[in-house]
Structure formats: structure tokens, C-alpha cells
């Protein structure tokens, strides 16, 4: 009986000690928001450059 319990505990220990796997993302986001933000910031910088040089 003790060997059965020891074997069961050893089996549980071996099978439960694997590394966790990463979850898959629910949805994939595109980089269009980032691209739009970059373009907007470049436009703003072009407008402010003459003011900064004064």
C-alpha cells in the first residue's frame, strides 16, 4: 500500500513539474495606430521647428 501511494505521489510530482506554456493572444493588433501617431508627431515637429530656432 505504501509503495502505491509513493508511486502515485512520484507520478504526480513528475507530471506537474513541467514549465508553463504561454497563452496565445486573443486578437492581433496592427501597427496602424503607431504609424498614424508617428506621422502626426512629425507634422507637429515640422510646425514647431521654426519656433524653436528663434
Protein backbone atom coordinates (compact mmCIF):
# COMPACT_ATOMS: atom_id res chain seq x y z
CA UNK A 1 0.00 0.00 0.00
CA UNK A 2 2.83 2.40 0.86
CA UNK A 3 4.53 1.66 -2.46
CA UNK A 4 1.31 2.50 -4.31
CA UNK A 5 0.98 5.84 -2.53
CA UNK A 6 4.66 6.65 -3.07
CA UNK A 7 4.40 5.76 -6.76
CA UNK A 8 1.26 7.88 -7.17
CA UNK A 9 2.89 10.86 -5.45
CA UNK A 10 6.03 10.48 -7.56
CA UNK A 11 3.95 10.32 -10.75
CA UNK A 12 2.03 13.45 -9.75
CA UNK A 13 5.26 15.25 -8.97
CA UNK A 14 6.83 14.33 -12.30
CA UNK A 15 3.81 15.26 -14.43
CA UNK A 16 3.05 18.51 -12.59
CA UNK A 17 6.56 19.98 -12.75
CA UNK A 18 6.57 20.98 -16.40
CA UNK A 19 7.17 24.58 -17.39
CA UNK A 20 4.07 26.72 -18.03
CA UNK A 21 3.17 27.46 -21.62
CA UNK A 22 2.37 30.97 -22.83
CA UNK A 23 -1.20 31.70 -23.84
CA UNK A 24 -1.99 32.70 -27.39
CA UNK A 25 -3.16 36.33 -27.82
CA UNK A 26 -6.90 36.82 -28.19
CA UNK A 27 -6.58 39.28 -31.04
CA UNK A 28 -3.72 40.63 -33.08
CA UNK A 29 -3.35 44.40 -33.23
CA UNK A 30 -1.92 46.09 -36.26
CA UNK A 31 0.64 48.85 -36.13
CA UNK A 32 -1.57 51.36 -37.94
CA UNK A 33 -2.16 53.35 -34.74
CA UNK A 34 1.57 53.67 -34.17
CA UNK A 35 2.16 54.69 -37.80
CA UNK A 36 -0.55 57.36 -37.58
CA UNK A 37 0.92 58.66 -34.33
CA UNK A 38 4.40 58.88 -35.85
CA UNK A 39 3.09 60.80 -38.86
CA UNK A 40 1.17 63.22 -36.62
CA UNK A 41 4.21 63.81 -34.42
CA UNK A 42 6.40 64.51 -37.46
CA UNK A 43 3.89 67.11 -38.70
CA UNK A 44 3.81 68.76 -35.29
CA UNK A 45 7.60 68.82 -35.13
CA UNK A 46 7.84 70.49 -38.55
CA UNK A 47 5.48 73.23 -37.35
CA UNK A 48 7.43 73.78 -34.12
CA UNK A 49 10.94 73.75 -35.59
CA UNK A 50 10.83 77.39 -36.76
CA UNK A 51 9.57 78.48 -33.34
CA UNK A 52 12.37 76.63 -31.59
CA UNK A 53 15.07 78.24 -33.74
CA UNK A 54 14.02 81.78 -32.71
